[in-house]
Amino acid sequence: MKHRLLLSLIAVGALSASPLSAQSTFGSAQAEAAPERPCEAMARAAYAAARSDAETEFWMSVALAVNEPGAQLAARLKQAWITRREAWAEAIVQYEARLQVCEALGHGAYLPVLSPGQFTAQVNATFYPLPIGATYLYEAQTAHGLERIETTALDRVLQVGGVPCRTVSSNEYLDGTLKERTFEWFSQDLDGSVWYLGEITQEFEAGLPTGMDGSWRAGVDNAKAGLQVPAVPERGDVFRMEFLLGTAEDVARVVDINQTVTVPAGSFDGCAVVQEWSPLDVRELVLKYYAPNVGMVLEVNQRTGDRLELIEIR
């Protein structure tokens, strides 16, 4: 009887009203076949999907708990309840963050068109040059230890949807232990802007691969290329850097175009400063400083104050 009561209470909680009720927010989906604001419509649909995923995970947890009844049953059910509420809360935060992105970018659909003949893998843009074979070494002292990142533009071209892309490898270490290995693909258009067309990311724990979260490629699963750095950044420019809903949603804003930065690798004038954030993790907010004919020389985490500095180029 006690277990039945717990399950009844859980069922009631599952039907409780959300900040965006299914009826008021999504009930007109069929009538709104062509929404006037596709960006907001996408945000609402993503919110509904996140809540649905949370419900699925919740009921699977309940099923596993009641299949092995015992003294810990109540604790397992309580944890399932808490986990669902946390997932709901994160879904709301992401929804609101996506609405802010819609406001900044405009309210239309994001449908960049890249014509392969207008692109080259020879990336020599002023603020994002990728000299083949050059390795950039960055370091940051964080609360978790010494972070070190090594990036190298490889003599390797990959066609992504027909667009020739330069492959860049990146290895991230924490106190000397490999934490992440990434291969990214960039291409430059005729105007000199650099585009980002995807990445393969592999995470490591104790030397063993643990996952590939964050991997995406333009043209696969509706993923879209994004702008890495405009040819001529102008203060106030806002753009998507990548786009695969739920996986890659970084957005950037140019906040300054003439800063001087000093890091271990030297002092650099005329730096463009770009603020980056993502609706997927609103706790992350960074400023990246790009020096002319060098590329990124500094990244500052605005939440923690951590500075990822260019140490040397070799």
Protein backbone atom coordinates (compact mmCIF):
# COMPACT_ATOMS: atom_id res chain seq x y z
CA MET A 1 0.00 0.00 0.00
CA LYS A 2 2.84 2.38 0.87
CA HIS A 3 4.46 1.75 -2.52
CA ARG A 4 1.17 2.34 -4.32
CA LEU A 5 0.82 5.68 -2.56
CA LEU A 6 4.31 6.74 -3.59
CA LEU A 7 3.63 5.83 -7.21
CA SER A 8 0.30 7.67 -7.14
CA LEU A 9 1.99 10.83 -5.87
CA ILE A 10 4.64 10.53 -8.58
CA ALA A 11 1.97 10.18 -11.26
CA VAL A 12 0.20 13.30 -10.01
CA GLY A 13 3.50 15.19 -10.10
CA ALA A 14 4.07 14.11 -13.68
CA LEU A 15 0.86 15.81 -14.71
CA SER A 16 1.54 19.06 -12.88
CA ALA A 17 1.43 22.21 -14.95
CA SER A 18 4.70 23.44 -16.46
CA PRO A 19 5.66 27.10 -16.96
CA LEU A 20 4.79 26.53 -20.62
CA SER A 21 1.65 24.45 -20.72
CA ALA A 22 1.31 21.98 -23.55
CA GLN A 23 -2.05 23.41 -24.50
CA SER A 24 -1.15 27.09 -24.52
CA THR A 25 2.30 26.75 -26.08
CA PHE A 26 2.21 23.81 -28.40
CA GLY A 27 -1.47 23.18 -29.05
CA SER A 28 -1.50 25.38 -32.15
CA ALA A 29 1.44 23.59 -33.81
CA GLN A 30 -0.72 22.12 -36.57
CA ALA A 31 -2.40 25.44 -37.32
CA GLU A 32 0.95 27.23 -37.33
CA ALA A 33 2.52 25.29 -40.19
CA ALA A 34 4.62 28.30 -41.19
CA PRO A 35 5.33 30.31 -38.01
CA GLU A 36 6.11 33.98 -38.41
CA ARG A 37 8.99 33.57 -35.97
CA PRO A 38 10.68 30.23 -36.72
CA CYS A 39 13.44 30.86 -34.18
CA GLU A 40 10.97 31.12 -31.29
CA ALA A 41 8.92 28.19 -32.61
CA MET A 42 12.08 26.07 -32.64
CA ALA A 43 12.86 27.11 -29.06
CA ARG A 44 9.39 26.07 -27.91
CA ALA A 45 9.63 22.71 -29.68
CA ALA A 46 13.07 22.07 -28.17
CA TYR A 47 11.65 22.84 -24.74
CA ALA A 48 8.85 20.32 -25.27
CA ALA A 49 11.40 17.72 -26.40
CA ALA A 50 13.55 18.30 -23.31
CA ARG A 51 10.57 17.82 -21.00
CA SER A 52 9.59 14.68 -22.87
CA ASP A 53 13.13 13.29 -22.49
CA ALA A 54 13.04 14.07 -18.78
CA GLU A 55 9.73 12.21 -18.46
CA THR A 56 11.12 9.17 -20.26
CA GLU A 57 14.20 9.05 -18.04
CA PHE A 58 12.03 9.55 -14.96
CA TRP A 59 9.67 6.66 -15.68
CA MET A 60 12.55 4.37 -16.60
CA SER A 61 14.11 5.14 -13.22
CA VAL A 62 10.79 4.43 -11.51
CA ALA A 63 10.47 1.13 -13.37
CA LEU A 64 13.95 0.05 -12.32
CA ALA A 65 13.28 1.07 -8.72
CA VAL A 66 10.00 -0.80 -8.30
CA ASN A 67 11.43 -3.88 -9.98
CA GLU A 68 13.73 -4.31 -7.00
CA PRO A 69 11.62 -3.30 -3.98
CA GLY A 70 13.34 -3.01 -0.66
CA ALA A 71 14.40 -0.57 2.01
CA GLN A 72 15.85 1.80 -0.58
CA LEU A 73 12.76 2.01 -2.77
CA ALA A 74 11.56 5.33 -1.35
CA ALA A 75 15.04 6.83 -1.72
CA ARG A 76 15.26 5.70 -5.34
CA LEU A 77 11.87 7.16 -6.17
CA LYS A 78 12.76 10.42 -4.46
CA GLN A 79 15.99 10.66 -6.46
CA ALA A 80 14.09 10.03 -9.69
CA TRP A 81 11.70 12.85 -8.75
CA ILE A 82 14.58 15.22 -7.96
CA THR A 83 16.42 14.38 -11.18
CA ARG A 84 13.31 15.09 -13.23
CA ARG A 85 12.71 18.44 -11.54
CA GLU A 86 16.35 19.42 -12.21
CA ALA A 87 15.97 18.43 -15.86
CA TRP A 88 12.78 20.50 -16.10
CA ALA A 89 14.53 23.49 -14.57
CA GLU A 90 17.42 23.22 -17.03
CA ALA A 91 14.97 22.95 -19.92
CA ILE A 92 13.38 26.25 -18.85
CA VAL A 93 16.78 27.96 -18.58
CA GLN A 94 17.75 26.75 -22.06
CA TYR A 95 14.39 27.84 -23.47
CA GLU A 96 14.78 31.36 -22.10
CA ALA A 97 18.39 31.52 -23.34
CA ARG A 98 17.29 30.48 -26.83
CA LEU A 99 14.69 33.24 -26.84
CA GLN A 100 17.45 35.72 -26.04
CA VAL A 101 19.44 34.39 -28.99
CA CYS A 102 16.38 34.83 -31.22
CA GLU A 103 16.09 38.42 -30.06
CA ALA A 104 19.77 39.08 -30.81
CA LEU A 105 19.84 37.38 -34.22
CA GLY A 106 16.42 38.19 -35.51
CA HIS A 107 13.47 35.84 -35.52
CA GLY A 108 13.91 33.93 -38.75
CA ALA A 109 15.13 30.43 -39.49
CA TYR A 110 18.88 29.79 -39.58
CA LEU A 111 19.60 28.53 -43.10
CA PRO A 112 23.11 29.52 -44.24
CA VAL A 113 23.89 28.63 -47.86
CA LEU A 114 27.50 27.71 -48.57
CA SER A 115 28.49 27.32 -52.22
CA PRO A 116 31.59 25.07 -52.37
CA GLY A 117 33.12 27.06 -55.22
CA GLN A 118 33.19 30.16 -53.00
CA PHE A 119 35.38 28.54 -50.33
CA THR A 120 38.98 27.51 -49.82
CA ALA A 121 40.85 25.41 -47.27
CA GLN A 122 43.73 27.91 -47.40
CA VAL A 123 42.70 29.86 -44.33
CA ASN A 124 44.72 33.08 -44.04
CA ALA A 125 42.11 35.47 -42.62
CA THR A 126 43.45 38.44 -40.70
CA PHE A 127 42.00 37.43 -37.35
CA TYR A 128 42.00 33.65 -37.85
CA PRO A 129 44.98 32.46 -39.90
CA LEU A 130 45.67 28.73 -39.91
CA PRO A 131 49.29 28.28 -41.04
CA ILE A 132 49.83 24.61 -41.84
CA GLY A 133 52.03 22.88 -39.28
CA ALA A 134 52.03 25.72 -36.74
CA THR A 135 51.18 24.67 -33.18
CA TYR A 136 49.64 27.17 -30.75
CA LEU A 137 50.20 26.43 -27.06
CA TYR A 138 47.78 27.83 -24.48
CA GLU A 139 47.72 27.52 -20.70
CA ALA A 140 45.31 28.48 -17.90
CA GLN A 141 45.59 28.01 -14.15
CA THR A 142 42.12 26.91 -13.02
CA ALA A 143 40.52 25.68 -9.80
CA HIS A 144 40.89 22.14 -11.18
CA GLY A 145 44.56 22.44 -12.07
CA LEU A 146 46.77 23.55 -14.96
CA GLU A 147 44.92 23.43 -18.26
CA ARG A 148 47.04 23.18 -21.40
CA ILE A 149 45.74 23.21 -24.97
CA GLU A 150 47.76 22.50 -28.10
CA THR A 151 46.20 23.27 -31.50
CA THR A 152 47.75 22.50 -34.90
CA ALA A 153 46.53 23.21 -38.42
CA LEU A 154 47.13 19.95 -40.27
CA ASP A 155 48.11 19.43 -43.88
CA ARG A 156 44.78 17.70 -44.34
CA VAL A 157 41.72 18.87 -46.28
CA LEU A 158 38.29 17.36 -45.70
CA GLN A 159 35.28 17.96 -47.91
CA VAL A 160 32.22 18.78 -45.79
CA GLY A 161 29.16 18.98 -48.02
CA GLY A 162 31.53 19.72 -50.89
CA VAL A 163 33.17 22.60 -49.02
CA PRO A 164 36.98 22.18 -48.69
CA CYS A 165 37.95 22.45 -45.03
CA ARG A 166 41.23 22.76 -43.19
CA THR A 167 41.50 20.21 -40.39
CA VAL A 168 42.73 21.52 -37.03
CA SER A 169 43.68 19.15 -34.22
CA SER A 170 43.41 20.15 -30.58
CA ASN A 171 44.57 18.29 -27.47
CA GLU A 172 43.48 19.48 -24.03
CA TYR A 173 45.37 18.41 -20.91
CA LEU A 174 44.73 18.90 -17.20
CA ASP A 175 47.86 18.64 -15.06
CA GLY A 176 49.51 16.75 -17.88
CA THR A 177 46.70 14.22 -18.39
CA LEU A 178 44.85 14.16 -21.71
CA LYS A 179 41.21 15.18 -21.18
CA GLU A 180 39.96 15.86 -24.70
CA ARG A 181 41.07 15.41 -28.32
CA THR A 182 39.29 17.28 -31.10
CA PHE A 183 39.48 17.55 -34.89
CA GLU A 184 37.73 20.66 -36.26
CA TRP A 185 37.02 21.79 -39.82
CA PHE A 186 37.30 25.38 -41.06
CA SER A 187 36.93 27.01 -44.45
CA GLN A 188 37.36 30.58 -45.71
CA ASP A 189 34.96 32.31 -48.09
CA LEU A 190 35.90 34.76 -50.83
CA ASP A 191 35.22 37.72 -48.53
CA GLY A 192 37.79 36.46 -46.01
CA SER A 193 35.37 35.27 -43.33
CA VAL A 194 36.17 31.94 -41.68
CA TRP A 195 33.42 29.36 -41.30
CA TYR A 196 33.20 26.45 -38.88
CA LEU A 197 31.76 23.23 -40.32
CA GLY A 198 32.04 20.72 -37.50
CA GLU A 199 34.19 18.68 -35.19
CA ILE A 200 34.87 15.25 -33.81
CA THR A 201 35.44 15.40 -30.07
CA GLN A 202 36.65 12.56 -27.86
CA GLU A 203 36.79 12.87 -24.08
CA PHE A 204 39.16 10.89 -21.87
CA GLU A 205 39.18 9.76 -18.25
CA ALA A 206 42.29 8.15 -16.76
CA GLY A 207 43.64 7.70 -20.28
CA LEU A 208 40.53 5.91 -21.57
CA PRO A 209 37.98 7.37 -24.05
CA THR A 210 34.64 8.04 -22.36
CA GLY A 211 32.46 9.81 -24.90
CA MET A 212 32.11 11.95 -28.01
CA ASP A 213 29.57 14.51 -26.81
CA GLY A 214 29.60 17.71 -28.82
CA SER A 215 30.59 16.10 -32.13
CA TRP A 216 28.75 17.35 -35.22
CA ARG A 217 29.21 17.97 -38.96
CA ALA A 218 27.42 20.44 -41.20
CA GLY A 219 24.85 18.68 -43.36
CA VAL A 220 24.40 15.73 -41.00
CA ASP A 221 21.23 15.57 -38.86
CA ASN A 222 20.29 19.10 -39.97
CA ALA A 223 23.50 20.60 -38.59
CA LYS A 224 24.48 23.98 -40.06
CA ALA A 225 27.84 25.65 -40.50
CA GLY A 226 28.54 28.76 -38.44
CA LEU A 227 30.76 31.82 -38.68
CA GLN A 228 34.00 31.52 -36.72
CA VAL A 229 35.31 35.03 -37.31
CA PRO A 230 34.06 37.69 -39.78
CA ALA A 231 36.58 39.03 -42.26
CA VAL A 232 36.07 42.54 -40.87
CA PRO A 233 34.61 42.33 -37.35
CA GLU A 234 32.43 45.25 -36.38
CA ARG A 235 31.33 46.10 -32.86
CA GLY A 236 27.82 44.73 -32.28
CA ASP A 237 27.98 41.94 -34.85
CA VAL A 238 26.09 38.85 -33.59
CA PHE A 239 26.28 35.46 -35.30
CA ARG A 240 25.90 31.74 -34.80
CA MET A 241 29.23 29.92 -34.65
CA GLU A 242 27.71 26.45 -35.07
CA PHE A 243 24.30 24.90 -35.13
CA LEU A 244 23.00 21.46 -34.25
CA LEU A 245 20.02 21.84 -31.94
CA GLY A 246 20.78 20.36 -28.54
CA THR A 247 24.45 19.70 -29.35
CA ALA A 248 26.16 22.75 -30.85
CA GLU A 249 24.58 26.17 -30.36
CA ASP A 250 27.42 28.59 -29.68
CA VAL A 251 26.68 32.24 -30.43
CA ALA A 252 29.10 35.17 -30.58
CA ARG A 253 29.00 38.96 -30.34
CA VAL A 254 31.82 41.33 -31.29
CA VAL A 255 32.27 43.64 -28.30
CA ASP A 256 35.43 45.52 -29.27
CA ILE A 257 37.74 45.86 -32.26
CA ASN A 258 40.86 47.62 -30.99
CA GLN A 259 42.18 46.16 -27.76
CA THR A 260 45.78 45.64 -26.67
CA VAL A 261 46.55 42.33 -24.98
CA THR A 262 49.66 41.10 -23.20
CA VAL A 263 50.21 37.37 -22.68
CA PRO A 264 53.36 35.23 -22.29
CA ALA A 265 53.68 35.02 -26.09
CA GLY A 266 53.93 38.84 -26.31
CA SER A 267 51.89 42.03 -26.60
CA PHE A 268 49.36 42.40 -29.40
CA ASP A 269 47.61 45.56 -30.62
CA GLY A 270 44.40 45.94 -32.60
CA CYS A 271 42.74 42.86 -31.16
CA ALA A 272 39.11 42.05 -31.92
CA VAL A 273 37.21 40.93 -28.82
CA VAL A 274 34.41 38.40 -29.23
CA GLN A 275 32.05 37.25 -26.49
CA GLU A 276 30.82 33.67 -26.81
CA TRP A 277 27.99 31.85 -25.06
CA SER A 278 25.59 28.96 -25.59
CA PRO A 279 21.97 28.36 -24.57
CA LEU A 280 23.04 24.81 -23.70
CA ASP A 281 25.16 26.03 -20.78
CA VAL A 282 24.43 29.57 -19.62
CA ARG A 283 27.08 29.20 -16.92
CA GLU A 284 29.76 29.56 -19.59
CA LEU A 285 30.52 33.07 -20.84
CA VAL A 286 33.90 33.82 -22.39
CA LEU A 287 35.73 36.64 -24.11
CA LYS A 288 38.15 35.72 -26.89
CA TYR A 289 40.83 38.13 -28.09
CA TYR A 290 41.98 37.77 -31.71
CA ALA A 291 45.19 39.50 -32.78
CA PRO A 292 45.75 40.53 -36.42
CA ASN A 293 47.78 37.96 -38.37
CA VAL A 294 48.06 35.74 -35.29
CA GLY A 295 44.62 34.51 -34.23
CA MET A 296 43.37 33.90 -30.72
CA VAL A 297 45.84 35.05 -28.07
CA LEU A 298 43.62 35.12 -24.98
CA GLU A 299 40.38 33.64 -23.67
CA VAL A 300 38.85 34.96 -20.44
CA ASN A 301 36.11 33.07 -18.61
CA GLN A 302 33.84 35.87 -17.40
CA ARG A 303 32.28 33.64 -14.75
CA THR A 304 35.49 32.44 -13.09
CA GLY A 305 38.10 34.94 -14.25
CA ASP A 306 40.31 32.13 -15.60
CA ARG A 307 42.67 33.27 -18.39
CA LEU A 308 43.68 30.88 -21.16
CA GLU A 309 46.78 32.59 -22.57
CA LEU A 310 48.87 32.00 -25.65
CA ILE A 311 52.26 30.77 -24.42
CA GLU A 312 54.04 30.28 -27.72
CA ILE A 313 53.67 29.40 -31.39
CA ARG A 314 56.02 26.78 -32.72
